[in-house]
Amino acid sequence: MNDWLNRAHRFLDRDPWTVAGYRSFGNAQRVLVRGRAMENEGITAATDTDSLWRNLVNSYRRIEADPLPNAVVRATIGEASVEITADDEGFFSKWIELPAAIGARAGWVPVTLELVAPASPGVKVETEAQVLLAPPSARFITISDMDDTVLQSHVTSLVQAFRTVLLGNARTRLPFPGVAAFYRALHAGVSGAEQNPIFYVSSSPWNLYDLLVDFLEHQGIPAGPLTLRDWDVDRSALGSGRLHRYKDSAIREIMGAYPALPVILVGDSSQRDPEIYRDVVREFPERVLAIYIRDVQRTEERRAAIASLVAEVEAQKSVLVLADDTVAAARHAVEQGFIHPDSLAEIGGEKRMDEATTPGKVGKPVVEAGAKTDTPVIVDASPTATGDGPAA
């Protein structure tokens, strides 16, 4: 019966087939290849002048994207070629062993993805994905959340969050002030030439992948591998327990690919990032250089809950910083020698521009109803922290 329905749907819905390749990562021995085989829904490129209707149509097309269940995709990197079978939602993910010549490279490496089955008569369906190999110059990696950490998603308000996702686009979505300059500083490191990789782990669905990639590029935020979720597999996947397990697994997979590199974790207080990162510190003692948590849920209850994690993080010789804004986190990063002191001027300047309302600026963050707007809070658990620590 299901097979008959799929055939009927395909007959009525004649969108061309496509393969979407997702930015991923790897090391000198192997790389993780990820993507999705699906129908091309004709999503148009975002512009600054798109109407709410056009944004809504594109959002619907992303959500409605029809997969190619159990598709077979051939992934080729250098001389290595492997066939991967997608799941029933068209998603595929597989670690591929690298030829020695490719493994000796660093930076972004292309992977060719070709749809093998179902066959597309007379048309070769092929695309390219990019995988990141950390350069020898890298001193640490950064793993960052996206929603309400890099871009404003208002996840604490369900109605506002849906409005933001459905009616906005990559050019209208707002970053948190100064975040692009801060991430560029983390990427450059204290020497300015470290090329420290940045990874983005989000609870957003893969359906929003193109929007997030466009957003990062438009805002000048360093490109990095994205790890998102398939909401179609389990509609209850938004539960805090499932979110915890998903992010924990994704972070462990990234850290496992770079066992020699320490990590900086960046998130926000609206979901479970502080608790998730606390567990990472427990599993990888002395490997987490710092945890930066953006204080977006400014309630006494939430702040008290996060403060209770500080001693646990400190016991593992790490540090948790609860920061009101990007500059506060950046000052701590300068003090710890993660980024160059000169970068503070650029971060502060960009923060002021992002907060401006003059034409060409991206706008000012929205403060959630009922949120406190008092002085910035810094909870620093480092053994060297003093009462003269960073302030916004």
Protein backbone atom coordinates (compact mmCIF):
# COMPACT_ATOMS: atom_id res chain seq x y z
CA MET A 1 0.00 0.00 0.00
CA ASN A 2 2.77 2.44 0.95
CA ASP A 3 4.62 1.63 -2.26
CA TRP A 4 1.50 2.40 -4.29
CA LEU A 5 1.05 5.72 -2.49
CA ASN A 6 4.67 6.66 -3.13
CA ARG A 7 4.27 5.95 -6.84
CA ALA A 8 1.05 7.96 -7.00
CA HIS A 9 2.68 10.88 -5.20
CA ARG A 10 5.66 10.76 -7.55
CA PHE A 11 3.35 10.80 -10.59
CA LEU A 12 1.50 13.87 -9.31
CA ASP A 13 4.56 15.65 -7.90
CA ARG A 14 7.13 15.85 -10.68
CA ASP A 15 9.78 17.99 -8.99
CA PRO A 16 13.26 17.10 -10.24
CA TRP A 17 15.52 15.03 -8.01
CA THR A 18 18.53 16.46 -6.24
CA VAL A 19 21.21 15.57 -3.71
CA ALA A 20 22.02 18.09 -0.98
CA GLY A 21 25.56 17.82 0.39
CA TYR A 22 26.09 19.05 3.94
CA ARG A 23 29.27 20.61 5.33
CA SER A 24 30.97 18.02 7.47
CA PHE A 25 34.35 17.18 8.98
CA GLY A 26 37.08 14.60 9.34
CA ASN A 27 40.77 14.03 9.95
CA ALA A 28 43.76 12.59 8.12
CA GLN A 29 42.33 9.07 8.31
CA ARG A 30 38.63 9.46 7.51
CA VAL A 31 35.81 11.93 6.88
CA LEU A 32 32.11 11.98 7.68
CA VAL A 33 30.02 12.39 4.52
CA ARG A 34 26.46 13.65 5.04
CA GLY A 35 23.59 14.76 2.85
CA ARG A 36 20.06 14.11 1.68
CA ALA A 37 18.50 12.75 -1.50
CA MET A 38 15.19 14.49 -2.18
CA GLU A 39 13.07 16.34 -4.67
CA ASN A 40 14.11 19.86 -5.63
CA GLU A 41 11.37 22.13 -4.30
CA GLY A 42 12.66 25.22 -6.10
CA ILE A 43 13.52 27.31 -3.03
CA THR A 44 14.57 30.76 -4.22
CA ALA A 45 17.65 32.61 -3.02
CA ALA A 46 16.95 35.11 -0.24
CA THR A 47 17.19 38.87 -0.74
CA ASP A 48 16.86 41.83 1.61
CA THR A 49 13.58 42.85 -0.03
CA ASP A 50 11.72 39.52 0.03
CA SER A 51 8.10 39.86 1.09
CA LEU A 52 6.67 37.98 4.05
CA TRP A 53 4.66 35.92 1.56
CA ARG A 54 7.78 34.87 -0.36
CA ASN A 55 9.51 33.94 2.89
CA LEU A 56 6.48 31.92 3.95
CA VAL A 57 6.39 30.07 0.61
CA ASN A 58 10.08 29.21 0.86
CA SER A 59 9.60 28.06 4.47
CA TYR A 60 6.73 25.82 3.39
CA ARG A 61 8.87 24.35 0.61
CA ARG A 62 11.64 23.56 3.09
CA ILE A 63 9.23 21.86 5.47
CA GLU A 64 7.39 20.03 2.67
CA ALA A 65 10.59 18.73 1.02
CA ASP A 66 9.90 15.24 -0.33
CA PRO A 67 12.67 12.69 0.32
CA LEU A 68 13.88 9.88 -1.91
CA PRO A 69 13.56 6.96 0.52
CA ASN A 70 16.45 4.46 0.52
CA ALA A 71 18.23 6.28 -2.29
CA VAL A 72 21.75 5.15 -3.17
CA VAL A 73 24.38 7.89 -3.42
CA ARG A 74 27.96 7.45 -4.62
CA ALA A 75 30.46 9.58 -2.64
CA THR A 76 33.84 10.17 -4.26
CA ILE A 77 36.83 11.87 -2.67
CA GLY A 78 40.11 11.63 -4.48
CA GLU A 79 40.46 8.04 -5.67
CA ALA A 80 38.11 6.67 -3.02
CA SER A 81 34.50 5.98 -3.96
CA VAL A 82 31.79 4.51 -1.70
CA GLU A 83 28.07 3.91 -2.21
CA ILE A 84 25.83 4.99 0.67
CA THR A 85 22.21 4.00 1.18
CA ALA A 86 19.94 6.70 2.58
CA ASP A 87 17.28 6.08 5.22
CA ASP A 88 13.54 6.33 4.62
CA GLU A 89 13.74 10.14 4.85
CA GLY A 90 16.51 10.37 2.26
CA PHE A 91 19.25 11.22 4.77
CA PHE A 92 22.65 9.56 4.50
CA SER A 93 25.72 9.68 6.72
CA LYS A 94 28.85 7.55 6.56
CA TRP A 95 32.49 7.70 7.61
CA ILE A 96 34.79 7.17 4.61
CA GLU A 97 38.44 6.19 4.79
CA LEU A 98 40.71 8.74 3.11
CA PRO A 99 43.46 8.10 0.56
CA ALA A 100 46.83 9.14 1.98
CA ALA A 101 47.20 11.98 -0.52
CA ILE A 102 43.92 13.54 0.56
CA GLY A 103 44.52 12.97 4.27
CA ALA A 104 47.71 15.02 4.06
CA ARG A 105 45.71 18.09 3.08
CA ALA A 106 44.06 20.63 5.38
CA GLY A 107 41.08 22.93 5.16
CA TRP A 108 37.97 22.29 3.06
CA VAL A 109 38.09 19.23 0.81
CA PRO A 110 35.40 18.56 -1.85
CA VAL A 111 33.37 15.33 -1.99
CA THR A 112 31.40 14.52 -5.14
CA LEU A 113 27.93 13.09 -4.51
CA GLU A 114 26.09 11.32 -7.33
CA LEU A 115 22.60 9.85 -7.21
CA VAL A 116 22.85 6.20 -8.31
CA ALA A 117 19.33 5.01 -7.45
CA PRO A 118 16.61 5.74 -8.17
CA ALA A 119 17.92 6.34 -11.67
CA SER A 120 17.12 9.66 -13.32
CA PRO A 121 16.83 8.86 -17.07
CA GLY A 122 18.95 11.13 -19.21
CA VAL A 123 19.96 13.35 -16.31
CA LYS A 124 23.02 13.02 -14.09
CA VAL A 125 22.15 14.15 -10.57
CA GLU A 126 25.38 15.26 -8.95
CA THR A 127 26.51 17.81 -6.39
CA GLU A 128 29.47 18.59 -4.16
CA ALA A 129 29.81 18.55 -0.39
CA GLN A 130 32.65 20.05 1.64
CA VAL A 131 34.43 18.33 4.53
CA LEU A 132 36.80 20.14 6.88
CA LEU A 133 40.21 18.76 7.81
CA ALA A 134 41.75 20.65 10.74
CA PRO A 135 45.06 22.29 9.83
CA PRO A 136 48.25 21.58 11.84
CA SER A 137 48.18 25.21 12.99
CA ALA A 138 44.92 24.71 14.94
CA ARG A 139 45.32 25.11 18.71
CA PHE A 140 41.72 24.32 19.70
CA ILE A 141 38.27 23.76 18.25
CA THR A 142 35.08 25.66 19.02
CA ILE A 143 31.70 23.91 19.17
CA SER A 144 28.79 26.33 19.15
CA ASP A 145 25.04 26.17 19.40
CA MET A 146 23.14 28.24 16.80
CA ASP A 147 19.69 29.23 18.08
CA ASP A 148 19.87 32.15 20.54
CA THR A 149 23.64 31.78 20.60
CA VAL A 150 24.66 32.92 17.11
CA LEU A 151 21.31 33.99 15.67
CA GLN A 152 18.20 35.21 17.42
CA SER A 153 15.54 32.50 17.40
CA HIS A 154 13.48 33.37 20.52
CA VAL A 155 13.15 29.70 21.49
CA THR A 156 11.79 30.76 24.89
CA SER A 157 8.65 31.98 23.09
CA LEU A 158 7.10 29.32 20.86
CA VAL A 159 4.89 31.77 18.94
CA GLN A 160 7.70 34.21 18.30
CA ALA A 161 10.07 31.40 17.34
CA PHE A 162 7.67 30.05 14.70
CA ARG A 163 7.08 33.56 13.37
CA THR A 164 10.82 34.15 13.11
CA VAL A 165 11.43 30.86 11.28
CA LEU A 166 8.43 30.99 8.93
CA LEU A 167 8.41 34.67 7.98
CA GLY A 168 12.13 35.46 7.98
CA ASN A 169 15.01 34.54 5.69
CA ALA A 170 18.81 34.42 5.81
CA ARG A 171 19.03 38.16 5.12
CA THR A 172 16.47 39.25 7.70
CA ARG A 173 17.42 36.91 10.58
CA LEU A 174 19.38 38.79 13.24
CA PRO A 175 22.68 37.76 14.81
CA PHE A 176 23.61 38.59 18.37
CA PRO A 177 25.68 41.80 18.31
CA GLY A 178 29.41 41.23 17.87
CA VAL A 179 29.15 37.46 17.40
CA ALA A 180 30.68 37.46 13.90
CA ALA A 181 33.80 39.34 15.01
CA PHE A 182 34.12 37.13 18.11
CA TYR A 183 33.96 33.94 16.06
CA ARG A 184 36.46 35.32 13.58
CA ALA A 185 38.76 36.00 16.53
CA LEU A 186 38.32 32.45 17.83
CA HIS A 187 39.04 31.12 14.34
CA ALA A 188 42.20 33.25 14.05
CA GLY A 189 43.41 32.51 17.58
CA VAL A 190 45.92 34.57 19.51
CA SER A 191 48.50 34.33 16.70
CA GLY A 192 46.01 35.41 14.05
CA ALA A 193 46.86 32.43 11.83
CA GLU A 194 45.69 29.38 13.78
CA GLN A 195 42.60 28.62 11.65
CA ASN A 196 40.89 26.99 14.61
CA PRO A 197 37.85 25.07 13.29
CA ILE A 198 34.37 26.12 14.39
CA PHE A 199 31.52 23.59 14.48
CA TYR A 200 27.83 24.44 14.73
CA VAL A 201 25.51 21.99 16.51
CA SER A 202 21.85 23.00 16.44
CA SER A 203 18.48 21.48 17.30
CA SER A 204 17.11 23.03 14.09
CA PRO A 205 16.07 20.58 11.36
CA TRP A 206 18.16 19.81 8.29
CA ASN A 207 15.35 21.46 6.31
CA LEU A 208 16.85 24.82 7.38
CA TYR A 209 20.40 23.94 6.29
CA ASP A 210 20.51 26.27 3.27
CA LEU A 211 19.14 29.17 5.33
CA LEU A 212 21.75 28.71 8.06
CA VAL A 213 24.64 28.46 5.61
CA ASP A 214 23.44 31.60 3.83
CA PHE A 215 23.03 33.38 7.16
CA LEU A 216 26.61 32.60 8.26
CA GLU A 217 28.01 33.81 4.96
CA HIS A 218 25.88 36.96 4.88
CA GLN A 219 26.92 37.93 8.43
CA GLY A 220 30.62 37.21 7.90
CA ILE A 221 30.66 34.41 10.47
CA PRO A 222 33.33 31.75 9.82
CA ALA A 223 32.09 28.75 7.86
CA GLY A 224 32.08 25.46 9.68
CA PRO A 225 30.49 22.00 9.63
CA LEU A 226 26.84 22.00 10.68
CA THR A 227 25.14 19.21 12.62
CA LEU A 228 21.35 19.51 12.58
CA ARG A 229 18.46 17.09 13.24
CA ASP A 230 15.82 15.23 11.31
CA TRP A 231 12.56 16.24 12.92
CA ASP A 232 10.60 13.91 10.66
CA VAL A 233 11.99 10.83 12.38
CA ASP A 234 10.53 11.65 15.79
CA ARG A 235 8.12 14.51 16.36
CA SER A 236 8.85 14.37 20.09
CA ALA A 237 12.53 15.08 19.47
CA LEU A 238 12.18 18.58 20.94
CA GLY A 239 11.94 17.20 24.48
CA SER A 240 14.78 18.28 26.74
CA GLY A 241 15.93 14.70 27.34
CA ARG A 242 16.14 13.92 23.64
CA LEU A 243 17.84 17.27 22.99
CA HIS A 244 20.43 16.44 25.64
CA ARG A 245 21.21 13.05 24.10
CA TYR A 246 21.32 14.44 20.54
CA LYS A 247 23.73 17.27 21.33
CA ASP A 248 25.86 15.13 23.62
CA SER A 249 26.26 12.53 20.87
CA ALA A 250 27.05 15.15 18.22
CA ILE A 251 29.68 16.84 20.39
CA ARG A 252 31.33 13.53 21.27
CA GLU A 253 31.56 12.62 17.57
CA ILE A 254 33.28 15.93 16.78
CA MET A 255 35.69 15.70 19.70
CA GLY A 256 36.43 12.08 18.80
CA ALA A 257 37.64 13.18 15.38
CA TYR A 258 40.21 15.54 16.96
CA PRO A 259 41.45 13.82 20.14
CA ALA A 260 44.56 16.01 20.40
CA LEU A 261 42.72 19.35 20.33
CA PRO A 262 41.07 20.98 23.36
CA VAL A 263 37.66 22.58 22.91
CA ILE A 264 35.73 25.75 23.68
CA LEU A 265 31.96 25.29 24.04
CA VAL A 266 29.53 28.14 23.32
CA GLY A 267 25.80 28.08 24.02
CA ASP A 268 22.93 29.90 25.71
CA SER A 269 20.82 29.59 28.81
CA SER A 270 17.44 29.11 27.10
CA GLN A 271 17.65 25.35 26.63
CA ARG A 272 19.97 22.74 28.15
CA ASP A 273 23.38 23.87 26.89
CA PRO A 274 24.89 24.47 30.38
CA GLU A 275 23.87 21.00 31.56
CA ILE A 276 24.97 19.35 28.32
CA TYR A 277 28.34 21.07 28.43
CA ARG A 278 28.77 20.15 32.11
CA ASP A 279 28.40 16.51 31.09
CA VAL A 280 31.00 16.98 28.33
CA VAL A 281 33.44 18.34 30.89
CA ARG A 282 32.81 15.28 33.05
CA GLU A 283 33.50 12.91 30.16
CA PHE A 284 36.54 14.81 28.89
CA PRO A 285 38.23 16.15 32.04
CA GLU A 286 40.79 18.90 31.48
CA ARG A 287 40.03 19.02 27.75
CA VAL A 288 37.38 21.78 27.81
CA LEU A 289 39.17 25.13 27.90
CA ALA A 290 36.05 27.19 28.61
CA ILE A 291 32.27 27.20 28.42
CA TYR A 292 30.63 30.45 27.30
CA ILE A 293 26.90 30.70 27.98
CA ARG A 294 24.91 33.63 26.61
CA ASP A 295 22.42 34.78 29.26
CA VAL A 296 19.19 35.00 27.27
CA GLN A 297 16.80 33.57 29.88
CA ARG A 298 17.37 36.19 32.52
CA THR A 299 15.42 34.82 35.42
CA GLU A 300 16.71 34.32 38.93
CA GLU A 301 15.70 30.66 38.83
CA ARG A 302 17.67 29.93 35.66
CA ARG A 303 20.70 31.87 36.82
CA ALA A 304 20.68 29.97 40.12
CA ALA A 305 20.49 26.66 38.24
CA ILE A 306 23.48 27.60 36.09
CA ALA A 307 25.42 28.88 39.09
CA SER A 308 25.04 25.46 40.71
CA LEU A 309 26.96 23.95 37.78
CA VAL A 310 29.97 26.20 38.31
CA ALA A 311 31.57 24.17 41.09
CA GLU A 312 31.16 20.97 39.07
CA VAL A 313 32.86 22.55 36.08
CA GLU A 314 35.63 24.01 38.23
CA ALA A 315 36.29 20.59 39.79
CA GLN A 316 37.20 19.36 36.32
CA LYS A 317 39.65 22.27 35.90
CA SER A 318 37.51 24.15 33.43
CA VAL A 319 35.55 27.40 33.52
CA LEU A 320 31.94 28.43 32.94
CA VAL A 321 31.22 32.03 31.95
CA LEU A 322 27.62 33.25 32.02
CA ALA A 323 27.82 36.38 29.90
CA ASP A 324 25.27 39.07 29.16
CA ASP A 325 26.83 39.85 25.79
CA THR A 326 29.57 38.90 23.33
CA VAL A 327 32.10 41.42 24.63
CA ALA A 328 32.03 39.87 28.10
CA ALA A 329 32.89 36.44 26.70
CA ALA A 330 35.54 37.95 24.43
CA ARG A 331 37.26 39.69 27.35
CA HIS A 332 37.54 36.39 29.16
CA ALA A 333 38.92 34.76 26.00
CA VAL A 334 41.60 37.48 25.79
CA GLU A 335 42.54 36.99 29.45
CA GLN A 336 42.94 33.25 28.88
CA GLY A 337 45.04 33.72 25.74
CA PHE A 338 42.49 32.23 23.32
CA ILE A 339 42.19 35.33 21.10
CA HIS A 340 44.36 38.37 20.41
CA PRO A 341 43.74 41.46 22.57
CA ASP A 342 43.46 43.65 19.48
CA SER A 343 40.33 41.76 18.45
CA LEU A 344 38.36 43.37 21.30
CA ALA A 345 38.17 46.67 19.43
CA GLU A 346 36.66 44.97 16.37
CA ILE A 347 34.22 42.92 18.48
CA GLY A 348 33.08 45.99 20.40
CA GLY A 349 32.78 48.06 17.23
CA GLU A 350 30.76 45.40 15.45
CA LYS A 351 28.53 45.00 18.49
CA ARG A 352 27.73 48.73 18.37
CA MET A 353 26.99 48.56 14.65
CA ASP A 354 24.78 45.50 15.08
CA GLU A 355 22.82 47.32 17.76
CA ALA A 356 22.32 50.40 15.59
CA THR A 357 19.06 51.07 13.80
CA THR A 358 20.49 53.12 10.92
CA PRO A 359 19.99 51.85 7.33
CA GLY A 360 22.20 48.89 6.48
CA LYS A 361 22.54 47.67 10.05
CA VAL A 362 21.11 44.36 11.14
CA GLY A 363 19.14 45.68 14.09
CA LYS A 364 19.01 45.30 17.84
CA PRO A 365 18.16 42.09 19.71
CA VAL A 366 14.66 41.77 21.08
CA VAL A 367 14.45 41.48 24.85
CA GLU A 368 11.97 38.80 25.90
CA ALA A 369 8.97 39.96 27.86
CA GLY A 370 9.60 39.79 31.59
CA ALA A 371 13.36 39.46 31.19
CA LYS A 372 15.58 41.43 33.52
CA THR A 373 17.81 44.03 31.87
CA ASP A 374 20.12 44.76 34.74
CA THR A 375 23.89 44.73 34.64
CA PRO A 376 25.64 41.86 32.83
CA VAL A 377 26.34 38.75 34.85
CA ILE A 378 29.61 36.88 34.68
CA VAL A 379 29.92 33.58 36.52
CA ASP A 380 33.56 32.60 36.17
CA ALA A 381 34.65 29.35 37.78
CA SER A 382 38.29 29.55 36.79
CA PRO A 383 40.76 29.21 39.68
CA THR A 384 42.35 32.53 38.63
CA ALA A 385 39.12 34.49 38.57
CA THR A 386 38.95 37.56 40.79
CA GLY A 387 36.48 40.26 41.60
CA ASP A 388 38.13 42.31 38.81
CA GLY A 389 37.08 39.83 36.13
CA PRO A 390 35.66 40.85 32.77
CA ALA A 391 32.56 42.95 32.56
CA ALA A 392 30.48 44.00 29.61
